[in-house]
Amino acid sequence: MLLHLYGFKAGGVIPTQDYQYLFDAGMVGVFGPGTKISKAAIEILNVLIDSVAE
């Protein structure tokens, strides 16, 4: 799953070697297979809170 600020993007399984390209393109989160939902939710909430604080 990909997270882009102001828009959530979902994809299939993202190869690890593509993560940096996605971050460079503006993604603020990439959650690979096996990511615990609670960990992803906390990270997403932190990104959203930080975006409001700016």
Protein backbone atom coordinates (compact mmCIF):
# COMPACT_ATOMS: atom_id res chain seq x y z
CA MET A 1 0.00 0.00 0.00
CA LEU A 2 1.26 3.44 -0.82
CA LEU A 3 0.54 6.64 1.04
CA HIS A 4 0.67 9.97 -0.77
CA LEU A 5 -0.11 13.11 1.21
CA TYR A 6 -3.63 14.31 0.34
CA GLY A 7 -4.37 11.13 -1.55
CA PHE A 8 -4.08 7.49 -0.70
CA LYS A 9 -2.82 5.21 -3.39
CA ALA A 10 -3.04 1.45 -3.25
CA GLY A 11 -1.06 -0.99 -5.28
CA GLY A 12 -0.16 -4.61 -5.35
CA VAL A 13 3.02 -5.96 -3.89
CA ILE A 14 5.64 -3.23 -4.29
CA PRO A 15 9.19 -4.53 -4.82
CA THR A 16 11.56 -3.30 -2.11
CA GLN A 17 13.92 -1.87 -4.73
CA ASP A 18 11.12 0.50 -5.86
CA TYR A 19 10.55 2.09 -2.43
CA GLN A 20 13.13 4.86 -2.84
CA TYR A 21 11.74 5.81 -6.25
CA LEU A 22 8.29 6.14 -4.70
CA PHE A 23 9.59 8.25 -1.80
CA ASP A 24 11.43 10.48 -4.27
CA ALA A 25 8.15 10.82 -6.21
CA GLY A 26 6.38 12.14 -3.11
CA MET A 27 5.08 9.07 -1.33
CA VAL A 28 5.28 9.40 2.42
CA GLY A 29 4.59 5.77 3.24
CA VAL A 30 4.99 2.38 1.65
CA PHE A 31 3.67 -0.65 3.49
CA GLY A 32 4.94 -3.97 2.27
CA PRO A 33 3.45 -7.42 2.67
CA GLY A 34 3.10 -8.47 6.28
CA THR A 35 2.87 -4.93 7.64
CA LYS A 36 0.69 -4.98 10.72
CA ILE A 37 -2.42 -2.85 10.26
CA SER A 38 -1.86 -1.15 13.62
CA LYS A 39 1.68 -0.09 12.61
CA ALA A 40 0.45 1.26 9.26
CA ALA A 41 -2.46 3.08 10.94
CA ILE A 42 -0.15 4.78 13.45
CA GLU A 43 2.22 5.86 10.70
CA ILE A 44 -0.65 7.21 8.57
CA LEU A 45 -2.09 9.11 11.53
CA ASN A 46 1.32 10.62 12.32
CA VAL A 47 1.72 11.77 8.70
CA LEU A 48 -1.74 13.35 8.74
CA ILE A 49 -1.16 15.05 12.10
CA ASP A 50 2.19 16.40 10.91
CA SER A 51 0.59 17.75 7.71
CA VAL A 52 -2.01 19.68 9.71
CA ALA A 53 0.63 21.07 12.08
CA GLU A 54 2.63 22.60 9.21
